[in-house]
Amino acid sequence: RKIYALWKEAGVVGAVDNATKDALRAFVERQTGKAAPEFCSPGDAAKVTEALKAMVRRAEGRCDG
């Protein structure tokens, strides 16, 4: 659930252009080789969440100016 929440937040702050579930699945596959967040091991999930957090921080930093 955390991955989905972070993905939604990334869409809101403009870190991703396409915040659909299909786009999330593609992102997860690029990061982990797994087809969807549901198939991630805890280590894979941590890798994805940290990447998403970094994307959100960068996007928020652009907004703060």
Protein backbone atom coordinates (compact mmCIF):
# COMPACT_ATOMS: atom_id res chain seq x y z
CA ARG A 1 0.00 0.00 0.00
CA LYS A 2 2.87 2.34 0.74
CA ILE A 3 4.14 2.07 -2.83
CA TYR A 4 0.71 2.97 -4.20
CA ALA A 5 0.43 5.94 -1.82
CA LEU A 6 3.88 7.22 -2.75
CA TRP A 7 3.09 6.79 -6.44
CA LYS A 8 -0.08 8.84 -6.02
CA GLU A 9 1.86 11.53 -4.16
CA ALA A 10 4.50 11.52 -6.92
CA GLY A 11 1.73 12.22 -9.42
CA VAL A 12 0.31 15.06 -7.32
CA VAL A 13 3.66 16.84 -6.92
CA GLY A 14 4.59 16.32 -10.57
CA ALA A 15 7.39 13.81 -10.04
CA VAL A 16 5.76 11.53 -12.63
CA ASP A 17 3.79 12.56 -15.69
CA ASN A 18 1.60 9.47 -15.74
CA ALA A 19 0.40 8.31 -12.31
CA THR A 20 -1.65 5.36 -13.54
CA LYS A 21 -1.36 1.82 -12.16
CA ASP A 22 0.08 0.66 -15.48
CA ALA A 23 2.80 3.30 -15.23
CA LEU A 24 3.53 2.21 -11.65
CA ARG A 25 3.86 -1.40 -12.76
CA ALA A 26 6.31 -0.34 -15.47
CA PHE A 27 8.32 1.65 -12.92
CA VAL A 28 8.40 -1.29 -10.49
CA GLU A 29 9.50 -3.63 -13.26
CA ARG A 30 12.35 -1.27 -14.25
CA GLN A 31 13.46 -1.01 -10.62
CA THR A 32 13.11 -4.64 -9.53
CA GLY A 33 12.37 -6.90 -12.48
CA LYS A 34 9.04 -7.81 -10.84
CA ALA A 35 5.82 -7.27 -12.81
CA ALA A 36 3.91 -5.46 -10.03
CA PRO A 37 4.35 -4.15 -6.48
CA GLU A 38 2.46 -7.16 -5.13
CA PHE A 39 5.28 -9.46 -6.28
CA CYS A 40 8.07 -7.50 -4.58
CA SER A 41 10.07 -8.96 -1.75
CA PRO A 42 10.49 -6.69 1.28
CA GLY A 43 13.91 -5.68 -0.07
CA ASP A 44 12.47 -4.87 -3.49
CA ALA A 45 9.64 -2.90 -1.89
CA ALA A 46 12.16 -0.88 0.14
CA LYS A 47 14.13 -0.10 -3.02
CA VAL A 48 10.98 1.13 -4.79
CA THR A 49 9.75 3.19 -1.84
CA GLU A 50 13.13 4.88 -1.40
CA ALA A 51 13.26 5.71 -5.12
CA LEU A 52 9.75 7.16 -4.98
CA LYS A 53 10.54 9.20 -1.85
CA ALA A 54 13.59 10.66 -3.59
CA MET A 55 11.52 11.53 -6.66
CA VAL A 56 8.92 13.27 -4.51
CA ARG A 57 11.60 15.20 -2.58
CA ARG A 58 13.20 16.37 -5.84
CA ALA A 59 9.84 17.46 -7.26
CA GLU A 60 8.94 19.31 -4.05
CA GLY A 61 12.34 21.00 -4.12
CA ARG A 62 11.63 22.31 -7.62
CA CYS A 63 8.36 23.77 -6.38
CA ASP A 64 10.01 25.49 -3.40
CA GLY A 65 12.26 27.18 -5.81
